[in-house]
Protein backbone atom coordinates (compact mmCIF):
# COMPACT_ATOMS: atom_id res chain seq x y z
CA MET A 1 -19.94 21.80 -16.62
CA GLU A 2 -17.27 19.05 -17.45
CA PRO A 3 -17.80 16.16 -15.26
CA HIS A 4 -14.97 15.10 -12.49
CA ILE A 5 -14.20 12.61 -10.56
CA ILE A 6 -13.25 12.14 -6.25
CA ALA A 7 -10.80 9.90 -5.38
CA LEU A 8 -10.53 8.79 -1.63
CA ASP A 9 -7.14 8.32 -0.68
CA GLN A 10 -7.14 6.33 2.41
CA GLY A 11 -3.83 5.78 3.58
CA THR A 12 -1.62 4.37 6.99
CA THR A 13 -0.98 7.60 8.44
CA SER A 14 -4.07 10.17 6.92
CA SER A 15 -7.16 10.19 4.94
CA ARG A 16 -7.36 12.62 1.83
CA ALA A 17 -10.06 12.95 -1.18
CA ILE A 18 -9.10 14.58 -4.09
CA ILE A 19 -11.31 15.92 -6.62
CA PHE A 20 -9.82 15.83 -10.31
CA ASN A 21 -10.96 16.86 -13.18
CA ARG A 22 -11.08 15.20 -16.85
CA GLY A 23 -7.58 16.20 -17.71
CA GLY A 24 -6.04 14.79 -14.53
CA GLY A 25 -5.93 17.73 -13.24
CA ILE A 26 -6.52 18.41 -9.18
CA VAL A 27 -9.42 20.74 -8.38
CA SER A 28 -9.45 20.44 -4.87
CA MET A 29 -8.26 18.74 -1.88
CA ALA A 30 -8.21 17.67 1.95
CA GLN A 31 -6.41 15.12 3.99
CA TYR A 32 -6.67 14.66 8.04
CA PRO A 33 -4.12 12.64 9.75
CA PHE A 34 -5.18 10.31 12.73
CA GLU A 35 -3.98 8.49 15.45
CA GLN A 36 -1.36 5.48 15.49
CA ILE A 37 -1.74 3.38 17.88
CA PHE A 38 1.04 0.47 19.17
CA PRO A 39 -0.19 -1.43 21.80
CA GLN A 40 3.06 -3.72 22.59
CA SER A 41 6.34 -4.45 20.70
CA GLY A 42 6.17 -5.35 16.52
CA TRP A 43 1.49 -4.48 17.20
CA VAL A 44 0.28 -1.57 15.36
CA GLU A 45 -3.66 -0.66 15.08
CA HIS A 46 -5.80 1.46 14.23
CA ASP A 47 -9.92 3.05 15.02
CA PRO A 48 -11.86 2.15 12.23
CA GLN A 49 -13.94 4.74 13.17
CA ALA A 50 -11.10 7.38 13.19
CA ILE A 51 -10.55 6.20 9.84
CA PHE A 52 -13.96 6.71 8.52
CA ALA A 53 -14.70 10.22 10.41
CA THR A 54 -11.57 11.25 8.79
CA GLU A 55 -12.20 10.23 5.32
CA LYS A 56 -15.18 11.60 5.52
CA LYS A 57 -14.27 14.99 6.76
CA ALA A 58 -11.90 15.04 3.86
CA LEU A 59 -14.40 14.28 1.44
CA ALA A 60 -17.07 16.99 2.91
CA GLU A 61 -13.87 19.85 2.52
CA ALA A 62 -12.74 18.98 -0.64
CA PHE A 63 -16.05 19.05 -2.57
CA SER A 64 -16.86 22.71 -0.70
CA LEU A 65 -13.47 23.68 -1.37
CA SER A 66 -14.18 22.49 -5.34
CA GLY A 67 -17.34 25.23 -5.50
CA LEU A 68 -18.80 22.40 -7.56
CA LYS A 69 -22.44 20.95 -7.53
CA ARG A 70 -23.43 17.34 -6.53
CA THR A 71 -24.16 17.02 -10.50
CA ASP A 72 -20.95 17.82 -11.29
CA ILE A 73 -19.54 14.45 -9.43
CA ALA A 74 -19.45 11.79 -11.90
CA ALA A 75 -18.29 9.47 -9.41
CA ILE A 76 -16.33 8.21 -6.58
CA GLY A 77 -13.24 6.22 -6.50
CA ILE A 78 -11.13 4.71 -3.71
CA SER A 79 -7.63 3.25 -3.14
CA ASN A 80 -6.89 2.39 0.17
CA GLN A 81 -4.18 0.87 2.39
CA ARG A 82 -4.19 -2.98 1.66
CA GLU A 83 -4.45 -5.70 4.50
CA THR A 84 -5.09 -3.46 7.10
CA THR A 85 -8.07 -5.48 8.98
CA ILE A 86 -11.45 -4.72 10.23
CA VAL A 87 -14.45 -7.02 11.63
CA TRP A 88 -17.70 -5.27 12.77
CA GLU A 89 -21.21 -6.36 13.49
CA ARG A 90 -23.36 -6.82 10.50
CA ALA A 91 -26.36 -5.12 12.57
CA THR A 92 -25.22 -2.41 14.18
CA GLY A 93 -22.32 -1.69 12.06
CA ARG A 94 -19.73 -1.34 15.63
CA PRO A 95 -16.12 -2.62 14.78
CA ILE A 96 -15.70 -5.63 17.42
CA TYR A 97 -12.09 -4.78 17.69
CA ASN A 98 -9.32 -2.18 16.17
CA ALA A 99 -8.43 -2.69 13.18
CA ILE A 100 -5.41 -4.30 12.61
CA VAL A 101 -2.68 -2.59 10.71
CA TRP A 102 -0.36 -4.38 7.90
CA GLN A 103 2.64 -3.62 9.56
CA CYS A 104 1.42 -5.41 12.20
CA ARG A 105 3.77 -8.63 13.52
CA ARG A 106 1.20 -9.96 16.15
CA THR A 107 -0.05 -13.29 13.97
CA ALA A 108 4.08 -13.89 13.19
CA LYS A 109 3.59 -17.57 15.31
CA LEU A 110 0.53 -18.70 13.97
CA CYS A 111 2.24 -18.16 10.68
CA GLU A 112 4.69 -20.49 11.96
CA GLU A 113 2.17 -23.02 12.54
CA LEU A 114 0.65 -22.54 9.04
CA ALA A 115 3.75 -23.02 7.61
CA GLU A 116 4.78 -26.32 9.41
CA ARG A 117 1.61 -27.60 8.52
CA GLY A 118 2.96 -27.86 4.95
CA LEU A 119 0.49 -25.05 3.85
CA ASP A 120 3.59 -22.99 2.21
CA ASP A 121 3.13 -24.56 -1.19
CA PRO A 122 -0.78 -24.37 -1.65
CA ILE A 123 -0.85 -21.22 -0.30
CA ARG A 124 1.60 -19.73 -2.64
CA GLU A 125 -0.32 -21.45 -5.57
CA LYS A 126 -3.39 -20.53 -4.59
CA THR A 127 -2.93 -16.90 -3.83
CA GLY A 128 0.51 -16.07 -5.34
CA LEU A 129 1.58 -15.05 -1.66
CA LEU A 130 4.12 -16.18 0.77
CA ILE A 131 2.87 -17.06 4.50
CA ASP A 132 3.55 -13.83 6.07
CA ALA A 133 1.79 -11.61 9.30
CA TYR A 134 1.09 -8.98 6.41
CA PHE A 135 -1.54 -10.31 5.17
CA SER A 136 -5.40 -10.49 6.42
CA GLY A 137 -5.93 -14.20 6.90
CA THR A 138 -4.31 -14.56 10.03
CA LYS A 139 -4.94 -11.32 11.50
CA ILE A 140 -9.03 -11.88 11.02
CA ALA A 141 -8.13 -15.53 12.71
CA TRP A 142 -6.57 -13.56 15.65
CA ILE A 143 -9.50 -11.15 16.23
CA LEU A 144 -11.92 -14.32 16.16
CA ASP A 145 -9.65 -15.94 18.96
CA GLN A 146 -9.30 -12.83 21.27
CA VAL A 147 -12.41 -11.17 21.27
CA PRO A 148 -14.90 -13.21 23.53
CA GLY A 149 -17.54 -14.94 21.24
CA ALA A 150 -16.23 -13.61 18.22
CA ARG A 151 -15.64 -16.67 16.43
CA GLU A 152 -19.19 -18.26 17.39
CA ARG A 153 -21.12 -14.95 15.92
CA ALA A 154 -19.28 -15.07 12.83
CA GLU A 155 -20.09 -18.32 11.87
CA ARG A 156 -23.60 -17.36 12.73
CA GLY A 157 -23.10 -14.91 10.22
CA GLU A 158 -23.30 -12.02 12.76
CA LEU A 159 -19.86 -10.46 11.63
CA LEU A 160 -18.22 -9.33 8.86
CA PHE A 161 -15.05 -8.59 7.80
CA GLY A 162 -13.44 -5.90 5.21
CA THR A 163 -10.15 -4.43 4.25
CA VAL A 164 -10.70 -0.77 4.55
CA GLU A 165 -12.40 0.25 1.05
CA SER A 166 -14.73 -2.51 1.97
CA TRP A 167 -15.42 -0.45 5.40
CA LEU A 168 -15.24 2.63 3.99
CA ILE A 169 -18.19 1.55 1.41
CA TRP A 170 -19.93 -0.21 3.64
CA ASN A 171 -20.19 2.91 5.99
CA LEU A 172 -20.55 5.05 2.67
CA THR A 173 -23.70 2.98 1.20
CA GLY A 174 -25.26 2.31 4.50
CA GLY A 175 -24.87 -1.91 4.40
CA VAL A 176 -23.24 -2.73 0.86
CA HIS A 177 -20.71 -5.75 1.89
CA VAL A 178 -18.09 -5.82 -1.67
CA THR A 179 -14.43 -6.05 -1.76
CA ASP A 180 -12.59 -5.59 -5.27
CA VAL A 181 -10.67 -8.00 -6.49
CA SER A 182 -7.25 -6.62 -6.25
CA ASN A 183 -7.76 -5.90 -2.28
CA ALA A 184 -9.10 -9.97 -1.93
CA SER A 185 -5.96 -10.72 -3.59
CA ARG A 186 -3.89 -9.80 -0.51
CA THR A 187 -5.72 -11.34 2.15
CA MET A 188 -3.82 -15.10 1.90
CA LEU A 189 -7.94 -16.25 1.03
CA MET A 190 -8.77 -15.79 -2.29
CA ASN A 191 -7.90 -17.77 -5.60
CA ILE A 192 -6.17 -15.59 -8.09
CA HIS A 193 -7.12 -18.27 -10.82
CA THR A 194 -10.52 -18.35 -10.25
CA LEU A 195 -11.16 -14.65 -8.22
CA SER A 196 -13.22 -16.31 -5.86
CA TRP A 197 -12.66 -16.93 -1.85
CA ASP A 198 -10.90 -20.27 -1.58
CA GLU A 199 -12.52 -23.02 0.56
CA GLU A 200 -10.06 -24.87 1.61
CA LEU A 201 -7.56 -21.81 2.72
CA CYS A 202 -10.44 -20.15 4.90
CA ARG A 203 -10.75 -23.75 6.50
CA GLU A 204 -7.16 -23.97 7.08
CA LEU A 205 -6.93 -20.67 8.48
CA ARG A 206 -10.67 -20.79 10.26
CA VAL A 207 -11.81 -18.29 8.99
CA PRO A 208 -16.02 -18.82 8.23
CA MET A 209 -16.78 -17.58 4.38
CA ALA A 210 -20.48 -16.42 5.92
CA MET A 211 -18.17 -13.10 7.07
CA LEU A 212 -16.75 -12.12 4.12
CA PRO A 213 -17.53 -9.60 1.60
CA ARG A 214 -18.31 -10.58 -2.35
CA ILE A 215 -15.15 -9.89 -4.44
CA VAL A 216 -16.47 -7.67 -7.25
CA PRO A 217 -14.05 -5.75 -10.69
CA ASN A 218 -12.18 -2.36 -9.55
CA SER A 219 -14.03 -0.71 -11.86
CA MET A 220 -18.45 -0.64 -11.58
CA GLU A 221 -21.07 0.45 -9.67
CA TYR A 222 -20.47 -0.77 -6.02
CA GLY A 223 -23.50 1.46 -4.24
CA ARG A 224 -24.22 5.09 -3.98
CA ILE A 225 -23.79 7.60 -0.90
CA ALA A 226 -26.50 7.12 1.44
CA PRO A 227 -28.93 10.34 1.89
CA GLY A 228 -28.32 9.55 6.49
CA VAL A 229 -24.65 9.70 6.48
CA PRO A 230 -24.08 13.00 8.36
CA GLY A 231 -21.91 15.61 6.63
CA LEU A 232 -22.04 14.39 3.07
CA GLU A 233 -25.82 15.22 2.00
CA GLY A 234 -24.52 17.05 -0.47
CA LEU A 235 -23.01 13.92 -2.39
CA ALA A 236 -26.29 11.60 -1.04
CA GLY A 237 -26.70 9.71 -4.52
CA VAL A 238 -23.13 9.76 -5.79
CA PRO A 239 -22.56 6.51 -7.22
CA ILE A 240 -18.99 4.42 -5.71
CA CYS A 241 -17.53 2.92 -9.13
CA GLY A 242 -14.17 2.10 -8.71
CA SER A 243 -12.07 0.76 -5.68
CA ALA A 244 -7.94 -0.31 -5.92
CA GLY A 245 -5.54 -1.54 -3.45
CA ASP A 246 -3.29 1.68 -2.79
CA GLN A 247 -0.39 -0.26 -4.75
CA GLN A 248 -2.47 -1.46 -7.44
CA ALA A 249 -3.84 2.29 -7.94
CA ALA A 250 -0.29 3.68 -8.15
CA LEU A 251 0.47 1.52 -11.01
CA LEU A 252 -2.18 2.25 -13.09
CA GLY A 253 -2.01 5.70 -11.92
CA GLN A 254 1.63 6.00 -13.18
CA GLY A 255 0.58 4.07 -16.68
CA CYS A 256 1.96 1.19 -16.59
CA ILE A 257 -0.44 -0.77 -18.58
CA ARG A 258 1.89 -2.94 -20.67
CA PRO A 259 3.86 -5.78 -19.24
CA GLY A 260 7.05 -5.21 -17.60
CA GLU A 261 6.36 -1.37 -17.14
CA SER A 262 6.77 -1.10 -13.55
CA LYS A 263 6.47 1.51 -11.01
CA ASN A 264 7.90 2.30 -6.91
CA THR A 265 5.70 3.93 -4.63
CA TYR A 266 7.56 6.20 -1.34
CA GLY A 267 4.75 6.21 0.84
CA THR A 268 4.64 4.71 4.97
CA GLY A 269 6.40 1.81 3.03
CA CYS A 270 7.78 1.57 -0.39
CA PHE A 271 6.13 -0.74 -2.76
CA THR A 272 7.57 -1.70 -6.16
CA MET A 273 5.28 -3.29 -8.86
CA MET A 274 5.61 -4.94 -12.24
CA ASN A 275 2.57 -5.16 -14.49
CA THR A 276 2.73 -8.97 -16.24
CA GLY A 277 -0.19 -8.61 -18.45
CA SER A 278 -2.99 -11.70 -17.91
CA THR A 279 -0.30 -14.16 -16.86
CA ILE A 280 0.50 -14.83 -13.19
CA SER A 281 4.54 -14.43 -13.13
CA ARG A 282 5.84 -17.28 -10.61
CA SER A 283 8.51 -15.74 -8.56
CA THR A 284 11.41 -17.66 -7.20
CA HIS A 285 13.47 -14.48 -5.39
CA GLY A 286 10.80 -13.67 -2.90
CA LEU A 287 8.25 -11.27 -4.83
CA LEU A 288 4.43 -11.65 -4.42
CA SER A 289 2.28 -12.43 -7.83
CA CYS A 290 -1.61 -10.22 -7.17
CA VAL A 291 -4.09 -9.00 -9.00
CA GLY A 292 -3.54 -5.49 -10.24
CA TRP A 293 -6.73 -4.75 -11.51
CA GLN A 294 -9.82 -6.41 -13.55
CA ILE A 295 -12.04 -4.17 -15.92
CA GLY A 296 -15.16 -6.17 -17.55
CA ASP A 297 -13.47 -9.62 -18.08
CA ARG A 298 -9.92 -8.71 -18.21
CA VAL A 299 -7.48 -9.00 -15.68
CA ASN A 300 -4.03 -7.86 -15.54
CA TYR A 301 -1.85 -9.33 -12.74
CA CYS A 302 1.55 -7.83 -11.22
CA LEU A 303 4.50 -8.98 -9.58
CA GLU A 304 5.16 -6.88 -6.22
CA GLY A 305 8.04 -6.00 -3.41
CA SER A 306 7.36 -4.54 -0.36
CA VAL A 307 9.39 -2.48 2.15
CA PHE A 308 7.31 -1.90 5.51
CA ASN A 309 9.17 1.06 6.29
CA ALA A 310 10.07 3.83 4.33
CA GLY A 311 7.76 7.11 4.97
CA SER A 312 7.85 5.90 8.65
CA THR A 313 11.01 6.08 9.24
CA ILE A 314 11.33 9.63 8.30
CA GLN A 315 8.71 10.21 10.69
CA TRP A 316 10.68 7.98 13.24
CA LEU A 317 13.79 10.28 13.02
CA ARG A 318 11.04 13.35 12.89
CA ASP A 319 8.51 12.28 15.83
CA GLU A 320 10.65 9.96 18.49
CA LEU A 321 14.16 10.82 17.98
CA GLY A 322 13.68 14.64 17.24
CA LEU A 323 16.83 14.64 14.87
CA ILE A 324 14.25 16.77 12.06
CA SER A 325 11.74 19.21 12.79
CA SER A 326 10.00 18.24 9.27
CA ALA A 327 9.85 15.53 6.56
CA ALA A 328 11.24 18.34 4.20
CA ASP A 329 14.30 18.88 6.68
CA SER A 330 15.85 15.18 5.96
CA GLU A 331 17.14 16.47 2.34
CA ALA A 332 19.18 19.49 3.26
CA LEU A 333 20.50 17.74 6.18
CA ALA A 334 21.60 14.61 4.05
CA LEU A 335 23.25 16.88 1.79
CA SER A 336 25.22 18.89 4.48
CA VAL A 337 27.53 15.51 4.92
CA PRO A 338 29.75 14.24 1.50
CA ASP A 339 28.76 10.58 2.70
CA ASN A 340 26.94 8.22 5.18
CA GLY A 341 30.46 8.53 7.50
CA GLY A 342 30.04 4.50 7.00
CA VAL A 343 26.69 4.51 8.74
CA TYR A 344 23.95 2.44 7.68
CA LEU A 345 20.19 2.18 8.82
CA VAL A 346 18.25 -0.83 8.27
CA SER A 347 14.67 0.10 9.53
CA ALA A 348 13.25 -3.34 9.94
CA PHE A 349 11.12 -1.57 12.57
CA THR A 350 7.80 -3.97 12.00
CA GLY A 351 10.20 -7.25 9.86
CA LEU A 352 11.67 -7.42 6.51
CA GLY A 353 9.71 -7.74 3.45
CA ALA A 354 10.76 -8.86 -0.11
CA PRO A 355 13.21 -10.75 -0.35
CA HIS A 356 13.94 -11.31 2.82
CA TRP A 357 10.24 -11.83 4.11
CA ASP A 358 11.94 -12.11 7.54
CA MET A 359 8.72 -11.54 10.65
CA TYR A 360 11.82 -11.70 13.10
CA ALA A 361 14.14 -8.71 11.91
CA ARG A 362 14.39 -5.75 14.15
CA GLY A 363 15.70 -2.13 13.24
CA VAL A 364 19.29 -2.22 13.55
CA MET A 365 21.91 1.16 13.44
CA THR A 366 25.49 -0.07 12.18
CA GLY A 367 28.83 1.48 11.54
CA LEU A 368 28.51 4.23 14.24
CA THR A 369 31.61 6.61 15.67
CA ARG A 370 32.23 9.38 18.12
CA GLY A 371 32.51 11.57 14.18
CA SER A 372 29.12 9.96 13.36
CA THR A 373 26.29 13.20 13.43
CA ARG A 374 22.51 13.93 12.82
CA ALA A 375 23.60 14.34 9.44
CA HIS A 376 24.74 11.04 8.94
CA ILE A 377 21.59 9.37 10.72
CA VAL A 378 19.29 11.24 8.74
CA ARG A 379 21.27 10.52 5.52
CA ALA A 380 21.41 6.67 6.12
CA ALA A 381 17.89 6.34 6.87
CA LEU A 382 17.38 8.03 3.26
CA GLU A 383 20.00 6.04 2.15
CA GLY A 384 18.24 2.87 3.41
CA ILE A 385 15.21 3.17 1.47
CA ALA A 386 16.87 3.19 -1.60
CA TYR A 387 19.01 0.30 -0.81
CA GLN A 388 16.01 -1.97 0.36
CA VAL A 389 13.91 -0.82 -3.16
CA ARG A 390 17.24 -1.71 -5.15
CA ASP A 391 16.85 -5.35 -3.22
CA MET A 392 13.58 -5.23 -4.45
CA ILE A 393 14.51 -4.44 -8.14
CA VAL A 394 17.46 -6.93 -8.53
CA ALA A 395 14.56 -9.33 -6.93
CA MET A 396 12.06 -8.79 -10.33
CA GLU A 397 14.57 -8.33 -12.68
CA GLN A 398 16.05 -11.89 -11.94
CA ASP A 399 12.36 -12.98 -12.02
CA ALA A 400 11.72 -11.48 -15.45
CA GLY A 401 15.15 -12.62 -16.88
CA ALA A 402 15.63 -9.29 -17.96
CA GLU A 403 17.08 -5.53 -17.04
CA MET A 404 14.35 -2.80 -15.99
CA PRO A 405 15.03 -0.04 -18.46
CA ILE A 406 14.17 2.71 -15.95
CA LEU A 407 11.81 3.39 -13.00
CA LYS A 408 8.71 5.78 -12.23
CA VAL A 409 8.46 6.84 -8.88
CA ASP A 410 5.46 8.12 -6.78
CA GLY A 411 4.01 9.17 -3.00
CA GLY A 412 5.13 11.65 -0.60
CA ALA A 413 8.96 10.80 -0.51
CA SER A 414 9.55 10.94 -3.84
CA VAL A 415 9.71 15.08 -3.75
CA ASN A 416 13.24 14.33 -2.00
CA ARG A 417 15.77 14.79 -4.30
CA PHE A 418 18.66 13.62 -2.32
CA LEU A 419 16.30 10.36 -1.99
CA MET A 420 15.97 10.07 -5.63
CA GLN A 421 19.18 10.78 -6.73
CA PHE A 422 20.95 7.82 -4.49
CA GLN A 423 18.13 6.04 -5.97
CA SER A 424 19.37 6.34 -9.26
CA ASP A 425 23.18 6.14 -8.24
CA ILE A 426 22.28 2.61 -6.46
CA LEU A 427 19.88 1.27 -9.11
CA GLN A 428 22.27 2.73 -11.68
CA LYS A 429 19.45 3.22 -13.99
CA PRO A 430 16.94 6.06 -14.87
CA ILE A 431 14.22 7.34 -12.19
CA ASP A 432 11.43 9.62 -13.88
CA ARG A 433 9.18 11.46 -11.61
CA PRO A 434 5.73 12.55 -12.62
CA ALA A 435 4.59 16.22 -12.75
CA MET A 436 1.63 14.57 -10.85
CA VAL A 437 2.80 12.57 -7.65
CA GLU A 438 -0.81 12.35 -6.70
CA THR A 439 -0.88 9.14 -9.03
CA THR A 440 -2.45 6.58 -6.29
CA ALA A 441 -5.54 8.54 -6.29
CA LEU A 442 -5.47 9.50 -9.81
CA GLY A 443 -5.22 5.33 -10.24
CA ALA A 444 -8.68 5.06 -8.27
CA ALA A 445 -10.51 8.38 -9.73
CA PHE A 446 -9.69 6.39 -13.04
CA LEU A 447 -11.41 3.59 -12.68
CA ALA A 448 -14.17 4.97 -11.56
CA GLY A 449 -14.41 7.27 -14.56
CA LEU A 450 -14.13 4.12 -16.60
CA ALA A 451 -16.61 2.84 -15.37
CA VAL A 452 -18.89 6.37 -15.75
CA GLY A 453 -17.67 6.78 -19.29
CA VAL A 454 -15.40 9.78 -18.25
CA TRP A 455 -12.98 8.10 -19.44
CA ASP A 456 -13.32 5.59 -22.54
CA SER A 457 -10.39 3.32 -21.79
CA ILE A 458 -7.66 1.82 -19.88
CA ASP A 459 -4.96 3.82 -22.56
CA ASP A 460 -6.52 6.90 -22.03
CA ILE A 461 -4.43 6.69 -18.65
CA THR A 462 -1.33 7.06 -20.25
CA ALA A 463 -2.05 10.66 -22.05
CA LEU A 464 -2.86 11.93 -18.16
CA ARG A 465 0.66 11.39 -17.06
CA SER A 466 3.75 13.44 -17.87
CA GLY A 467 7.40 13.12 -16.59
CA ALA A 468 8.43 16.15 -14.68
CA ALA A 469 12.08 15.24 -13.49
CA LEU A 470 14.58 12.61 -14.52
CA PHE A 471 17.14 11.27 -12.25
CA THR A 472 20.13 9.46 -13.64
CA PRO A 473 23.25 8.26 -12.28
CA GLU A 474 26.03 10.21 -11.09
CA MET A 475 27.40 7.09 -9.46
CA ASP A 476 30.05 4.91 -10.91
CA ALA A 477 29.25 1.15 -10.21
CA ALA A 478 31.70 0.20 -8.66
CA ALA A 479 31.50 2.81 -5.56
CA ALA A 480 27.35 2.04 -6.05
CA GLU A 481 28.90 -1.83 -5.59
CA LYS A 482 30.98 -0.97 -2.47
CA LEU A 483 28.22 0.75 -1.07
CA CYS A 484 26.14 -1.99 -1.35
CA ALA A 485 28.32 -4.59 -0.03
CA GLY A 486 28.16 -2.62 3.25
CA TRP A 487 24.36 -2.47 3.44
CA SER A 488 24.07 -6.57 2.98
CA ARG A 489 26.32 -6.83 5.88
CA ALA A 490 23.85 -4.23 8.04
CA VAL A 491 20.89 -5.95 7.06
CA SER A 492 22.71 -9.54 8.38
CA ARG A 493 22.66 -8.07 11.77
CA SER A 494 19.10 -7.44 11.59
CA LEU A 495 17.82 -10.69 10.38
CA LYS A 496 16.07 -12.60 13.12
CA TRP A 497 16.68 -10.66 15.61
CA GLU A 498 13.58 -11.42 17.80
CA GLN A 499 13.55 -14.82 17.55
CA ASN A 500 17.22 -15.08 18.52
């Protein structure tokens, strides 16, 4: 039988496992949600044990549903929510605190202190990132400062740090402590020129280097599933051979393998990436430079913009406000009114990312009247996602000095036809949605498959992608600009809200 690859797609709200065949088709999949923990305003946490338990359960179920044998599985690849920070005991594997999620804003003050000490330029130069609570470095420092005795234990080498892929690999292999270069580039601790931990930055952020994982390429064998992992006995010995942060995995899964090719993922947040090849592009418009992937000695870099709340905004409408009963309801409700009725929703629940980078921005709804309905609010929420993506695309085009001819899209919310059409209208450019929207998992599977010879080269990824829907602008440019002007006014109301 042909070889198959398992992708573990560990996201912000759920853990999934998808089994792909050599043609990139899905054989089986399983998914399990886990609890979102909000200890106080602006704080977001996960239980690391719940992350592993749900991912392990999804893996076991997908394998069972596939009807495949152990010998049919060539390798496992991992994609993960990036920046989310876990610290655990080397001896026992027990976390010493909940995972601090990438959305969490608790280290904003610490970031301000770093900026006041003049570290903006060194951090931007070495890491390609801006100083922000988004990234892992200050989250590690916070845990070491707040958990009694943690800093001393970390300095003695008793504690380990990892982002989520590192945590999964540790638990699946029985103790291999590595992180792939794409995830390491999102910590604010790795030098993207040397692809190594930076001693000066670790010292400035007070992160002991003894707790950091070994940085490895995105496609190689890291270890194998240990025989003693409960529930995975039937997969013991399967190699884990690929790993990438979810957005880098999606860029690869979309076939954006050449400089200038771009995608946007509509997940819990929105993430726009442009492949810049072997060049580290310096943004002057609030974007980030990071490692896309390293395969062998070849390193691909990318430009990125991040929206912190996209799919989570739809969840908020459903779970907290009760305006919709399911995410799918948002499309029909938005289409039930001819326009937004003047309502704008800026979903800055955990601050604003690119190009604003305001840790103290908070959510704002403007333009409400007695005529505003549930449909107007839901439509405004979907439009707000598209406006934020537009802000990132404009910044990216300014950095690149050229227009992006087409935007490839993926992620859960990309199935919403209203959102995709409005995105095309507001950008005034075509939107290309693939037939198979599980591009994040496909990218992780591809990295693993490359390592074991299921695919021969990175060029093979383009053969696995086919378009399913093309959305082209139906709104004239003047109308789009008028709507965007209203959006800019709404955003101005949200800035520095928590600070003021």
